[in-house]
């Protein structure tokens, strides 16, 4: 199994099969790997971060996705996702800049980011955002990218928080909504007399659209 397939399987282990995007087919090797694993998110203890680091990540993730009328990052188990990903799935090369950024965050916060007042937490985040504003991570349209371990820490933290939140059952079922337009499959050929397909999940039949040329 290559690294990409392995990470895809790892994401399913962490987030659960219920949030597997439609259209993604697992290879036989991935299926066998997943079937042999215990519940990853429940079986693994959190031992990588120190207490202060864990509190900082927990608080920071909730700053990024706070609880409002919808669940926040803590409700979705995002801090646990981040720690497991950093400890178990990052390479040493990927982990080093993240941990350096976390150490810098704690130093700027006087050693305890979680102890700062909400205004102080937000101000520190805004300072980090301003310092990182020239990063290519913020380039317009830069949404389909591989993991950039050289991105500024604030960018990495935001990306991991959003990823963990929307891979969770809470994020996928209580915040995301179904696409009312259904899913378009662009690789299904049309017959010579066919028009467009209707991809509505509640109406899976084919509809034809006829051009009205004369109603007079």
N, C-alpha and C. Protein backbone atom coordinates (compact mmCIF):
# COMPACT_ATOMS: atom_id res chain seq x y z
N UNK A 1 0.85 -1.18 0.00
CA UNK A 1 0.00 0.00 0.00
C UNK A 1 0.89 1.24 0.00
N UNK A 2 0.65 2.16 -0.95
CA UNK A 2 1.47 3.36 -0.97
C UNK A 2 1.01 4.35 0.09
N UNK A 3 1.79 5.44 0.27
CA UNK A 3 1.50 6.40 1.34
C UNK A 3 0.13 7.05 1.18
N UNK A 4 -0.24 7.37 -0.05
CA UNK A 4 -1.53 8.01 -0.26
C UNK A 4 -2.68 7.09 0.14
N UNK A 5 -2.62 5.82 -0.31
CA UNK A 5 -3.65 4.85 0.05
C UNK A 5 -3.70 4.62 1.56
N UNK A 6 -2.51 4.58 2.17
CA UNK A 6 -2.44 4.36 3.61
C UNK A 6 -3.07 5.52 4.38
N UNK A 7 -2.78 6.76 3.95
CA UNK A 7 -3.35 7.92 4.63
C UNK A 7 -4.86 8.00 4.43
N UNK A 8 -5.32 7.60 3.25
CA UNK A 8 -6.76 7.57 3.02
C UNK A 8 -7.43 6.58 3.96
N UNK A 9 -6.82 5.41 4.12
CA UNK A 9 -7.36 4.42 5.04
C UNK A 9 -7.29 4.93 6.48
N UNK A 10 -6.21 5.65 6.81
CA UNK A 10 -6.07 6.19 8.16
C UNK A 10 -7.15 7.20 8.45
N UNK A 11 -7.48 8.03 7.47
CA UNK A 11 -8.54 9.03 7.67
C UNK A 11 -9.88 8.36 7.94
N UNK A 12 -10.13 7.25 7.25
CA UNK A 12 -11.37 6.52 7.48
C UNK A 12 -11.38 5.91 8.88
N UNK A 13 -10.24 5.41 9.32
CA UNK A 13 -10.15 4.85 10.66
C UNK A 13 -10.46 5.90 11.72
N UNK A 14 -9.90 7.11 11.52
CA UNK A 14 -10.08 8.17 12.50
C UNK A 14 -11.50 8.71 12.46
N UNK A 15 -12.04 8.89 11.25
CA UNK A 15 -13.32 9.58 11.13
C UNK A 15 -14.51 8.63 11.11
N UNK A 16 -14.29 7.41 10.67
CA UNK A 16 -15.39 6.46 10.60
C UNK A 16 -15.90 6.31 9.18
N UNK A 17 -16.40 5.13 8.85
CA UNK A 17 -16.88 4.86 7.51
C UNK A 17 -18.10 5.69 7.15
N UNK A 18 -18.82 6.20 8.14
CA UNK A 18 -20.05 6.93 7.86
C UNK A 18 -19.80 8.22 7.11
N UNK A 19 -18.57 8.74 7.15
CA UNK A 19 -18.31 9.99 6.46
C UNK A 19 -17.45 9.78 5.22
N UNK A 20 -17.33 8.55 4.73
CA UNK A 20 -16.58 8.30 3.51
C UNK A 20 -17.28 8.97 2.35
N UNK A 21 -16.59 9.87 1.62
CA UNK A 21 -17.25 10.58 0.53
C UNK A 21 -17.76 9.63 -0.53
N UNK A 22 -18.93 9.92 -1.12
CA UNK A 22 -19.44 9.07 -2.19
C UNK A 22 -18.47 9.02 -3.35
N UNK A 23 -18.38 7.89 -3.99
CA UNK A 23 -17.54 7.79 -5.17
C UNK A 23 -16.13 7.32 -4.89
N UNK A 24 -15.72 7.20 -3.61
CA UNK A 24 -14.38 6.72 -3.29
C UNK A 24 -14.45 5.21 -3.08
N UNK A 25 -13.77 4.47 -3.90
CA UNK A 25 -13.75 3.02 -3.80
C UNK A 25 -12.44 2.58 -3.16
N UNK A 26 -12.53 1.75 -2.15
CA UNK A 26 -11.34 1.25 -1.49
C UNK A 26 -10.76 0.08 -2.27
N UNK A 27 -9.46 0.01 -2.29
CA UNK A 27 -8.80 -1.13 -2.91
C UNK A 27 -8.98 -2.35 -2.01
N UNK A 28 -8.72 -3.54 -2.56
CA UNK A 28 -8.81 -4.76 -1.76
C UNK A 28 -7.83 -4.72 -0.59
N UNK A 29 -6.65 -4.14 -0.85
CA UNK A 29 -5.64 -4.05 0.20
C UNK A 29 -6.09 -3.11 1.31
N UNK A 30 -6.70 -1.97 0.92
CA UNK A 30 -7.21 -1.04 1.93
C UNK A 30 -8.33 -1.67 2.74
N UNK A 31 -9.24 -2.36 2.07
CA UNK A 31 -10.36 -3.00 2.76
C UNK A 31 -9.87 -4.03 3.77
N UNK A 32 -8.87 -4.82 3.38
CA UNK A 32 -8.32 -5.82 4.28
C UNK A 32 -7.64 -5.16 5.47
N UNK A 33 -6.93 -4.06 5.20
CA UNK A 33 -6.26 -3.33 6.27
C UNK A 33 -7.26 -2.79 7.28
N UNK A 34 -8.34 -2.18 6.78
CA UNK A 34 -9.35 -1.58 7.67
C UNK A 34 -10.07 -2.66 8.47
N UNK A 35 -10.37 -3.78 7.83
CA UNK A 35 -11.11 -4.83 8.50
C UNK A 35 -10.33 -5.43 9.65
N UNK A 36 -9.01 -5.37 9.58
CA UNK A 36 -8.17 -5.98 10.61
C UNK A 36 -7.88 -5.04 11.78
N UNK A 37 -8.34 -3.77 11.68
CA UNK A 37 -7.98 -2.80 12.70
C UNK A 37 -9.04 -2.65 13.78
N UNK A 38 -8.62 -2.44 15.02
CA UNK A 38 -9.59 -2.07 16.06
C UNK A 38 -10.02 -0.62 15.83
N UNK A 39 -10.96 -0.15 16.61
CA UNK A 39 -11.40 1.24 16.50
C UNK A 39 -10.23 2.16 16.85
N UNK A 40 -9.67 2.79 15.85
CA UNK A 40 -8.44 3.57 16.06
C UNK A 40 -8.66 4.72 17.03
N UNK A 41 -9.71 5.47 16.83
CA UNK A 41 -9.93 6.68 17.62
C UNK A 41 -10.16 6.36 19.09
N UNK A 42 -10.72 5.17 19.37
CA UNK A 42 -11.03 4.80 20.75
C UNK A 42 -9.90 4.04 21.42
N UNK A 43 -9.13 3.27 20.66
CA UNK A 43 -8.14 2.38 21.23
C UNK A 43 -6.84 3.08 21.62
N UNK A 44 -6.55 4.20 20.98
CA UNK A 44 -5.26 4.85 21.19
C UNK A 44 -5.32 5.90 22.29
N UNK A 45 -4.41 5.82 23.22
CA UNK A 45 -4.31 6.81 24.28
C UNK A 45 -3.55 8.03 23.77
N UNK A 46 -3.88 9.17 24.33
CA UNK A 46 -3.18 10.41 23.97
C UNK A 46 -1.97 10.56 24.89
N UNK A 47 -0.80 10.37 24.32
CA UNK A 47 0.41 10.45 25.14
C UNK A 47 1.49 11.32 24.50
N UNK A 48 1.22 11.85 23.32
CA UNK A 48 2.27 12.57 22.59
C UNK A 48 2.46 13.99 23.11
N UNK A 49 1.39 14.77 23.16
CA UNK A 49 1.48 16.14 23.64
C UNK A 49 1.62 16.16 25.16
N UNK A 50 2.31 17.18 25.66
CA UNK A 50 2.29 17.44 27.10
C UNK A 50 0.92 18.00 27.47
N UNK A 51 0.64 18.09 28.76
CA UNK A 51 -0.64 18.62 29.19
C UNK A 51 -0.83 20.05 28.68
N UNK A 52 0.22 20.86 28.75
CA UNK A 52 0.12 22.24 28.28
C UNK A 52 -0.11 22.32 26.79
N UNK A 53 0.59 21.46 26.02
CA UNK A 53 0.41 21.44 24.58
C UNK A 53 -1.01 20.99 24.22
N UNK A 54 -1.49 19.96 24.91
CA UNK A 54 -2.84 19.46 24.63
C UNK A 54 -3.89 20.51 24.95
N UNK A 55 -3.73 21.20 26.07
CA UNK A 55 -4.68 22.26 26.43
C UNK A 55 -4.65 23.38 25.40
N UNK A 56 -3.45 23.70 24.89
CA UNK A 56 -3.33 24.77 23.89
C UNK A 56 -4.02 24.37 22.59
N UNK A 57 -3.80 23.14 22.13
CA UNK A 57 -4.43 22.67 20.90
C UNK A 57 -5.95 22.61 21.06
N UNK A 58 -6.40 22.13 22.21
CA UNK A 58 -7.83 22.06 22.46
C UNK A 58 -8.47 23.44 22.40
N UNK A 59 -7.86 24.40 23.11
CA UNK A 59 -8.40 25.75 23.14
C UNK A 59 -8.31 26.41 21.76
N UNK A 60 -7.18 26.23 21.09
CA UNK A 60 -6.97 26.85 19.78
C UNK A 60 -7.97 26.31 18.75
N UNK A 61 -8.24 25.02 18.79
CA UNK A 61 -9.19 24.46 17.82
C UNK A 61 -10.59 25.04 18.03
N UNK A 62 -10.94 25.30 19.29
CA UNK A 62 -12.25 25.88 19.58
C UNK A 62 -12.30 27.36 19.20
N UNK A 63 -11.16 28.04 19.21
CA UNK A 63 -11.11 29.41 18.70
C UNK A 63 -11.40 29.40 17.20
N UNK A 64 -10.86 28.41 16.50
CA UNK A 64 -11.03 28.33 15.05
C UNK A 64 -12.46 27.92 14.68
N UNK A 65 -13.00 26.91 15.35
CA UNK A 65 -14.39 26.49 15.12
C UNK A 65 -15.11 26.45 16.47
N UNK A 66 -15.63 27.59 16.91
CA UNK A 66 -16.27 27.63 18.23
C UNK A 66 -17.68 27.04 18.19
N UNK A 67 -18.14 26.64 19.34
CA UNK A 67 -19.53 26.20 19.45
C UNK A 67 -20.45 27.42 19.39
N UNK A 68 -21.42 27.39 18.50
CA UNK A 68 -22.43 28.44 18.41
C UNK A 68 -23.78 27.74 18.47
N UNK A 69 -24.61 27.93 17.44
CA UNK A 69 -25.84 27.14 17.37
C UNK A 69 -25.56 25.78 16.73
N UNK A 70 -24.31 25.57 16.33
CA UNK A 70 -23.85 24.27 15.84
C UNK A 70 -22.66 23.83 16.69
N UNK A 71 -22.31 22.55 16.68
CA UNK A 71 -21.20 22.08 17.51
C UNK A 71 -19.87 22.73 17.13
N UNK A 72 -18.96 22.78 18.11
CA UNK A 72 -17.63 23.31 17.88
C UNK A 72 -16.60 22.21 17.73
N UNK A 73 -15.34 22.61 17.63
CA UNK A 73 -14.26 21.65 17.41
C UNK A 73 -14.14 20.64 18.55
N UNK A 74 -14.33 21.10 19.77
CA UNK A 74 -14.22 20.17 20.91
C UNK A 74 -15.35 19.14 20.87
N UNK A 75 -16.56 19.59 20.52
CA UNK A 75 -17.69 18.66 20.42
C UNK A 75 -17.42 17.55 19.41
N UNK A 76 -16.66 17.88 18.37
CA UNK A 76 -16.39 16.92 17.30
C UNK A 76 -15.17 16.05 17.58
N UNK A 77 -14.48 16.28 18.69
CA UNK A 77 -13.29 15.50 19.00
C UNK A 77 -12.08 15.90 18.17
N UNK A 78 -12.09 17.13 17.65
CA UNK A 78 -11.01 17.58 16.77
C UNK A 78 -9.65 17.62 17.46
N UNK A 79 -9.53 18.06 18.72
CA UNK A 79 -8.21 18.06 19.36
C UNK A 79 -7.58 16.67 19.40
N UNK A 80 -8.38 15.66 19.65
CA UNK A 80 -7.87 14.28 19.68
C UNK A 80 -7.39 13.88 18.28
N UNK A 81 -8.16 14.23 17.27
CA UNK A 81 -7.77 13.95 15.89
C UNK A 81 -6.41 14.56 15.58
N UNK A 82 -6.22 15.83 15.97
CA UNK A 82 -4.96 16.51 15.67
C UNK A 82 -3.79 15.82 16.35
N UNK A 83 -3.94 15.48 17.62
CA UNK A 83 -2.83 14.85 18.33
C UNK A 83 -2.48 13.49 17.73
N UNK A 84 -3.49 12.69 17.41
CA UNK A 84 -3.22 11.38 16.82
C UNK A 84 -2.58 11.52 15.44
N UNK A 85 -3.02 12.51 14.67
CA UNK A 85 -2.44 12.69 13.34
C UNK A 85 -0.98 13.12 13.43
N UNK A 86 -0.71 14.09 14.32
CA UNK A 86 0.66 14.58 14.47
C UNK A 86 1.58 13.49 15.00
N UNK A 87 1.10 12.71 15.95
CA UNK A 87 1.96 11.71 16.59
C UNK A 87 2.14 10.45 15.74
N UNK A 88 1.06 10.00 15.10
CA UNK A 88 1.09 8.69 14.44
C UNK A 88 1.26 8.74 12.93
N UNK A 89 0.88 9.84 12.30
CA UNK A 89 0.83 9.85 10.84
C UNK A 89 1.82 10.83 10.20
N UNK A 90 2.23 11.86 10.93
CA UNK A 90 3.22 12.78 10.38
C UNK A 90 4.59 12.10 10.33
N UNK A 91 5.36 12.42 9.33
CA UNK A 91 6.77 12.02 9.32
C UNK A 91 7.53 12.96 10.25
N UNK A 92 8.77 12.61 10.55
CA UNK A 92 9.59 13.50 11.38
C UNK A 92 9.74 14.87 10.73
N UNK A 93 9.87 14.87 9.40
CA UNK A 93 10.03 16.13 8.67
C UNK A 93 8.77 16.99 8.75
N UNK A 94 7.62 16.36 8.72
CA UNK A 94 6.35 17.09 8.81
C UNK A 94 6.07 17.55 10.24
N UNK A 95 6.46 16.71 11.20
CA UNK A 95 6.15 16.98 12.61
C UNK A 95 6.98 18.13 13.18
N UNK A 96 8.23 18.26 12.76
CA UNK A 96 9.14 19.23 13.37
C UNK A 96 8.63 20.66 13.28
N UNK A 97 8.21 21.17 12.10
CA UNK A 97 7.74 22.56 12.06
C UNK A 97 6.45 22.78 12.83
N UNK A 98 5.59 21.76 12.87
CA UNK A 98 4.36 21.91 13.63
C UNK A 98 4.67 22.05 15.12
N UNK A 99 5.53 21.21 15.63
CA UNK A 99 5.88 21.27 17.05
C UNK A 99 6.63 22.56 17.39
N UNK A 100 7.45 23.04 16.46
CA UNK A 100 8.13 24.32 16.68
C UNK A 100 7.12 25.45 16.74
N UNK A 101 6.12 25.39 15.88
CA UNK A 101 5.07 26.41 15.90
C UNK A 101 4.25 26.36 17.17
N UNK A 102 3.98 25.16 17.65
CA UNK A 102 3.24 25.02 18.90
C UNK A 102 4.04 25.57 20.08
N UNK A 103 5.33 25.31 20.08
CA UNK A 103 6.20 25.86 21.14
C UNK A 103 6.21 27.39 21.10
N UNK A 104 6.22 27.95 19.89
CA UNK A 104 6.20 29.40 19.74
C UNK A 104 4.88 29.98 20.25
N UNK A 105 3.78 29.29 19.95
CA UNK A 105 2.47 29.74 20.43
C UNK A 105 2.44 29.80 21.95
N UNK A 106 2.95 28.75 22.59
CA UNK A 106 2.96 28.70 24.05
C UNK A 106 3.88 29.78 24.63
N UNK A 107 5.01 30.01 23.99
CA UNK A 107 5.93 31.03 24.48
C UNK A 107 5.29 32.42 24.40
N UNK A 108 4.63 32.71 23.30
CA UNK A 108 3.98 34.01 23.15
C UNK A 108 2.83 34.18 24.13
N UNK A 109 2.23 33.06 24.53
CA UNK A 109 1.10 33.11 25.46
C UNK A 109 1.55 33.09 26.91
N UNK A 110 2.86 33.17 27.14
CA UNK A 110 3.36 33.13 28.50
C UNK A 110 3.35 31.74 29.10
N UNK A 111 3.33 30.72 28.23
CA UNK A 111 3.39 29.34 28.69
C UNK A 111 2.06 28.63 28.79
N UNK A 112 0.94 29.36 28.68
CA UNK A 112 -0.37 28.73 28.84
C UNK A 112 -1.38 29.47 27.97
N UNK A 113 -1.53 29.00 26.74
CA UNK A 113 -2.48 29.65 25.82
C UNK A 113 -3.90 29.54 26.33
N UNK A 114 -4.24 28.40 26.93
CA UNK A 114 -5.60 28.19 27.41
C UNK A 114 -5.98 29.17 28.53
N UNK A 115 -4.96 29.69 29.25
CA UNK A 115 -5.24 30.59 30.37
C UNK A 115 -5.49 32.02 29.92
N UNK A 116 -5.18 32.33 28.67
CA UNK A 116 -5.42 33.69 28.18
C UNK A 116 -6.91 33.96 28.11
N UNK A 117 -7.28 35.22 28.31
CA UNK A 117 -8.66 35.62 28.10
C UNK A 117 -9.00 35.46 26.62
N UNK A 118 -10.27 35.25 26.28
CA UNK A 118 -10.64 35.08 24.86
C UNK A 118 -10.10 36.19 23.96
N UNK A 119 -10.11 37.42 24.46
CA UNK A 119 -9.59 38.52 23.65
C UNK A 119 -8.10 38.37 23.39
N UNK A 120 -7.37 37.88 24.40
CA UNK A 120 -5.95 37.66 24.24
C UNK A 120 -5.65 36.53 23.28
N UNK A 121 -6.44 35.46 23.33
CA UNK A 121 -6.27 34.35 22.40
C UNK A 121 -6.50 34.82 20.96
N UNK A 122 -7.55 35.59 20.77
CA UNK A 122 -7.87 36.08 19.43
C UNK A 122 -6.79 37.03 18.92
N UNK A 123 -6.29 37.88 19.80
CA UNK A 123 -5.25 38.83 19.40
C UNK A 123 -3.98 38.09 18.97
N UNK A 124 -3.64 37.03 19.69
CA UNK A 124 -2.46 36.25 19.33
C UNK A 124 -2.66 35.56 18.00
N UNK A 125 -3.84 35.03 17.77
CA UNK A 125 -4.14 34.41 16.48
C UNK A 125 -4.04 35.43 15.35
N UNK A 126 -4.56 36.62 15.59
CA UNK A 126 -4.52 37.66 14.55
C UNK A 126 -3.08 38.06 14.24
N UNK A 127 -2.23 38.09 15.26
CA UNK A 127 -0.82 38.42 15.04
C UNK A 127 -0.15 37.34 14.19
N UNK A 128 -0.45 36.07 14.49
CA UNK A 128 0.11 34.97 13.72
C UNK A 128 -0.39 35.01 12.27
N UNK A 129 -1.67 35.34 12.10
CA UNK A 129 -2.24 35.46 10.75
C UNK A 129 -1.54 36.56 9.97
N UNK A 130 -1.31 37.69 10.61
CA UNK A 130 -0.67 38.81 9.93
C UNK A 130 0.75 38.45 9.50
N UNK A 131 1.47 37.77 10.38
CA UNK A 131 2.85 37.37 10.05
C UNK A 131 2.89 36.34 8.92
N UNK A 132 1.82 35.56 8.79
CA UNK A 132 1.78 34.49 7.78
C UNK A 132 1.10 34.94 6.49
N UNK A 133 0.69 36.19 6.41
CA UNK A 133 -0.17 36.64 5.31
C UNK A 133 0.48 36.52 3.93
N UNK A 134 1.80 36.49 3.87
CA UNK A 134 2.49 36.38 2.58
C UNK A 134 2.65 34.92 2.13
N UNK A 135 2.23 33.98 2.94
CA UNK A 135 2.39 32.57 2.60
C UNK A 135 1.53 32.20 1.40
N UNK A 136 2.04 31.30 0.57
CA UNK A 136 1.27 30.83 -0.58
C UNK A 136 0.02 30.07 -0.15
N UNK A 137 -0.02 29.68 1.12
CA UNK A 137 -1.20 28.98 1.65
C UNK A 137 -2.45 29.83 1.48
N UNK A 138 -2.29 31.15 1.49
CA UNK A 138 -3.41 32.08 1.37
C UNK A 138 -3.69 32.48 -0.07
N UNK A 139 -2.99 31.89 -1.03
CA UNK A 139 -3.20 32.27 -2.43
C UNK A 139 -4.64 32.02 -2.84
N UNK A 140 -5.19 32.93 -3.61
CA UNK A 140 -6.56 32.81 -4.07
C UNK A 140 -6.75 31.52 -4.85
N UNK A 141 -7.74 30.75 -4.48
CA UNK A 141 -8.02 29.50 -5.17
C UNK A 141 -7.20 28.32 -4.70
N UNK A 142 -6.35 28.51 -3.70
CA UNK A 142 -5.49 27.42 -3.22
C UNK A 142 -6.26 26.54 -2.24
N UNK A 143 -7.17 25.76 -2.77
CA UNK A 143 -8.00 24.91 -1.91
C UNK A 143 -7.75 23.43 -2.15
N UNK A 144 -7.24 23.05 -3.31
CA UNK A 144 -6.94 21.65 -3.60
C UNK A 144 -5.43 21.48 -3.56
N UNK A 145 -4.91 21.08 -2.43
CA UNK A 145 -3.48 21.00 -2.25
C UNK A 145 -3.14 19.80 -1.37
N UNK A 146 -1.92 19.33 -1.49
CA UNK A 146 -1.43 18.32 -0.58
C UNK A 146 -0.95 19.01 0.69
N UNK A 147 -0.70 18.22 1.73
CA UNK A 147 -0.25 18.80 2.99
C UNK A 147 1.07 19.53 2.81
N UNK A 148 1.11 20.78 3.27
CA UNK A 148 2.32 21.61 3.15
C UNK A 148 2.93 21.76 4.54
N UNK A 149 3.94 20.95 4.83
CA UNK A 149 4.53 21.01 6.17
C UNK A 149 5.41 22.24 6.35
N UNK A 150 5.66 22.98 5.27
CA UNK A 150 6.43 24.20 5.37
C UNK A 150 5.55 25.43 5.54
N UNK A 151 4.25 25.25 5.54
CA UNK A 151 3.34 26.37 5.75
C UNK A 151 3.48 26.88 7.18
N UNK A 152 3.16 28.16 7.42
CA UNK A 152 3.21 28.68 8.79
C UNK A 152 2.32 27.86 9.73
N UNK A 153 2.71 27.84 10.99
CA UNK A 153 2.00 27.02 11.97
C UNK A 153 0.51 27.34 12.02
N UNK A 154 0.15 28.61 11.98
CA UNK A 154 -1.27 28.98 12.08
C UNK A 154 -2.06 28.38 10.93
N UNK A 155 -1.42 28.28 9.75
CA UNK A 155 -2.08 27.68 8.59
C UNK A 155 -2.25 26.18 8.79
N UNK A 156 -1.22 25.53 9.28
CA UNK A 156 -1.29 24.10 9.54
C UNK A 156 -2.37 23.80 10.58
N UNK A 157 -2.40 24.60 11.63
CA UNK A 157 -3.37 24.38 12.69
C UNK A 157 -4.79 24.55 12.19
N UNK A 158 -5.03 25.57 11.38
CA UNK A 158 -6.36 25.78 10.83
C UNK A 158 -6.76 24.63 9.91
N UNK A 159 -5.82 24.19 9.09
CA UNK A 159 -6.15 23.12 8.15
C UNK A 159 -6.45 21.82 8.89
N UNK A 160 -5.67 21.48 9.90
CA UNK A 160 -5.93 20.26 10.66
C UNK A 160 -7.25 20.35 11.41
N UNK A 161 -7.56 21.52 11.94
CA UNK A 161 -8.82 21.70 12.67
C UNK A 161 -10.02 21.51 11.76
N UNK A 162 -9.98 22.14 10.60
CA UNK A 162 -11.08 22.02 9.65
C UNK A 162 -11.21 20.58 9.15
N UNK A 163 -10.06 19.96 8.84
CA UNK A 163 -10.07 18.57 8.37
C UNK A 163 -10.66 17.65 9.43
N UNK A 164 -10.17 17.75 10.66
CA UNK A 164 -10.67 16.89 11.72
C UNK A 164 -12.13 17.11 12.01
N UNK A 165 -12.56 18.36 11.96
CA UNK A 165 -13.96 18.66 12.27
C UNK A 165 -14.90 18.06 11.24
N UNK A 166 -14.60 18.26 9.95
CA UNK A 166 -15.54 17.80 8.93
C UNK A 166 -15.38 16.33 8.57
N UNK A 167 -14.31 15.68 9.05
CA UNK A 167 -14.23 14.23 8.94
C UNK A 167 -14.95 13.53 10.08
N UNK A 168 -15.30 14.28 11.11
CA UNK A 168 -15.97 13.68 12.26
C UNK A 168 -17.45 13.44 11.95
N UNK A 169 -18.05 12.56 12.70
CA UNK A 169 -19.49 12.31 12.54
C UNK A 169 -20.29 13.56 12.89
N UNK A 170 -19.84 14.28 13.92
CA UNK A 170 -20.54 15.51 14.32
C UNK A 170 -20.51 16.53 13.19
N UNK A 171 -19.33 16.79 12.66
CA UNK A 171 -19.21 17.78 11.60
C UNK A 171 -19.94 17.39 10.34
N UNK A 172 -19.87 16.09 9.99
CA UNK A 172 -20.46 15.63 8.74
C UNK A 172 -21.98 15.56 8.80
N UNK A 173 -22.53 15.28 9.98
CA UNK A 173 -23.98 15.08 10.07
C UNK A 173 -24.73 16.25 10.67
N UNK A 174 -24.06 17.07 11.48
CA UNK A 174 -24.76 18.17 12.14
C UNK A 174 -24.43 19.55 11.58
N UNK A 175 -23.41 19.64 10.76
CA UNK A 175 -23.02 20.93 10.20
C UNK A 175 -23.12 20.94 8.67
N UNK A 176 -22.52 19.93 8.03
CA UNK A 176 -22.66 19.83 6.58
C UNK A 176 -24.09 19.46 6.24
N UNK A 177 -24.52 19.79 5.05
CA UNK A 177 -25.85 19.41 4.61
C UNK A 177 -25.76 18.70 3.26
N UNK A 178 -26.78 17.93 2.96
CA UNK A 178 -26.81 17.22 1.69
C UNK A 178 -26.93 18.21 0.54
N UNK A 179 -26.26 17.89 -0.54
CA UNK A 179 -26.35 18.72 -1.74
C UNK A 179 -27.69 18.46 -2.42
N UNK A 180 -28.58 19.46 -2.48
CA UNK A 180 -29.91 19.22 -3.07
C UNK A 180 -29.85 18.94 -4.56
N UNK A 181 -28.71 19.24 -5.18
CA UNK A 181 -28.57 19.00 -6.62
C UNK A 181 -28.09 17.58 -6.92
N UNK A 182 -27.82 16.81 -5.87
CA UNK A 182 -27.35 15.46 -6.09
C UNK A 182 -25.89 15.44 -6.52
N UNK A 183 -25.43 14.33 -7.06
CA UNK A 183 -24.04 14.17 -7.47
C UNK A 183 -23.96 13.91 -8.96
N UNK A 184 -23.08 14.65 -9.64
CA UNK A 184 -22.94 14.50 -11.09
C UNK A 184 -21.81 13.53 -11.42
N UNK A 185 -22.12 12.53 -12.22
CA UNK A 185 -21.11 11.60 -12.72
C UNK A 185 -20.82 11.95 -14.17
N UNK A 186 -19.63 12.52 -14.39
CA UNK A 186 -19.31 12.98 -15.73
C UNK A 186 -18.82 11.90 -16.66
N UNK A 187 -18.67 10.66 -16.15
CA UNK A 187 -18.12 9.61 -17.00
C UNK A 187 -19.18 8.62 -17.48
N UNK A 188 -20.47 8.95 -17.32
CA UNK A 188 -21.53 8.08 -17.80
C UNK A 188 -21.94 8.55 -19.19
N UNK A 189 -21.73 7.72 -20.21
CA UNK A 189 -22.01 8.18 -21.58
C UNK A 189 -23.50 8.34 -21.83
N UNK A 190 -23.85 9.28 -22.66
CA UNK A 190 -25.22 9.49 -23.09
C UNK A 190 -25.44 8.82 -24.43
N UNK A 191 -26.64 8.36 -24.66
CA UNK A 191 -26.98 7.79 -25.95
C UNK A 191 -27.13 8.87 -27.00
N UNK A 192 -27.20 8.50 -28.24
CA UNK A 192 -27.27 9.51 -29.31
C UNK A 192 -28.50 10.39 -29.25
N UNK A 193 -29.58 9.91 -28.63
CA UNK A 193 -30.80 10.70 -28.55
C UNK A 193 -31.06 11.23 -27.14
N UNK A 194 -30.06 11.07 -26.27
CA UNK A 194 -30.24 11.48 -24.87
C UNK A 194 -29.91 12.95 -24.68
N UNK A 195 -30.61 13.54 -23.69
CA UNK A 195 -30.23 14.87 -23.23
C UNK A 195 -29.47 14.68 -21.93
N UNK A 196 -29.76 15.48 -20.90
CA UNK A 196 -29.01 15.42 -19.66
C UNK A 196 -29.64 14.42 -18.69
N UNK A 197 -28.80 13.96 -17.73
CA UNK A 197 -29.28 13.14 -16.63
C UNK A 197 -29.75 14.01 -15.48
N UNK A 198 -30.73 13.54 -14.75
CA UNK A 198 -31.09 14.16 -13.49
C UNK A 198 -30.44 13.35 -12.39
N UNK A 199 -29.60 14.00 -11.55
CA UNK A 199 -28.84 13.28 -10.52
C UNK A 199 -29.43 13.47 -9.14
N UNK A 200 -30.69 13.89 -9.04
CA UNK A 200 -31.30 14.07 -7.73
C UNK A 200 -31.38 12.75 -7.00
N UNK A 201 -30.89 12.70 -5.72
CA UNK A 201 -30.92 11.43 -4.97
C UNK A 201 -32.32 10.95 -4.68
N UNK A 202 -33.32 11.87 -4.71
CA UNK A 202 -34.70 11.48 -4.43
C UNK A 202 -35.45 11.15 -5.71
N UNK A 203 -34.83 11.41 -6.86
CA UNK A 203 -35.49 11.12 -8.12
C UNK A 203 -34.45 10.57 -9.09
N UNK A 204 -34.08 9.31 -8.93
CA UNK A 204 -32.94 8.76 -9.68
C UNK A 204 -33.29 8.34 -11.11
N UNK A 205 -34.38 8.87 -11.65
CA UNK A 205 -34.75 8.52 -13.01
C UNK A 205 -34.18 9.54 -13.97
N UNK A 206 -34.07 9.13 -15.21
CA UNK A 206 -33.55 10.03 -16.23
C UNK A 206 -34.65 10.93 -16.74
N UNK A 207 -34.34 12.21 -16.86
CA UNK A 207 -35.28 13.17 -17.39
C UNK A 207 -34.76 13.72 -18.70
N UNK A 208 -35.66 13.97 -19.59
CA UNK A 208 -35.29 14.60 -20.84
C UNK A 208 -35.82 16.03 -20.86
N UNK A 209 -35.06 16.90 -21.46
CA UNK A 209 -35.47 18.29 -21.58
C UNK A 209 -35.67 18.57 -23.08
N UNK A 210 -36.84 18.92 -23.43
CA UNK A 210 -37.15 19.16 -24.82
C UNK A 210 -37.21 20.65 -25.08
N UNK A 211 -36.66 21.04 -26.18
CA UNK A 211 -36.68 22.44 -26.56
C UNK A 211 -38.00 22.72 -27.26
N UNK A 212 -38.68 23.69 -26.72
CA UNK A 212 -39.97 24.08 -27.34
C UNK A 212 -39.67 25.07 -28.45
N UNK A 213 -39.93 24.69 -29.66
CA UNK A 213 -39.58 25.55 -30.78
C UNK A 213 -40.73 26.42 -31.23
N UNK A 214 -41.97 25.98 -30.99
CA UNK A 214 -43.10 26.78 -31.48
C UNK A 214 -44.33 26.45 -30.67
N UNK A 215 -44.87 27.41 -29.97
CA UNK A 215 -46.10 27.22 -29.21
C UNK A 215 -47.29 27.93 -29.85
N UNK A 216 -47.06 28.51 -30.97
CA UNK A 216 -48.14 29.26 -31.61
C UNK A 216 -49.12 28.33 -32.32
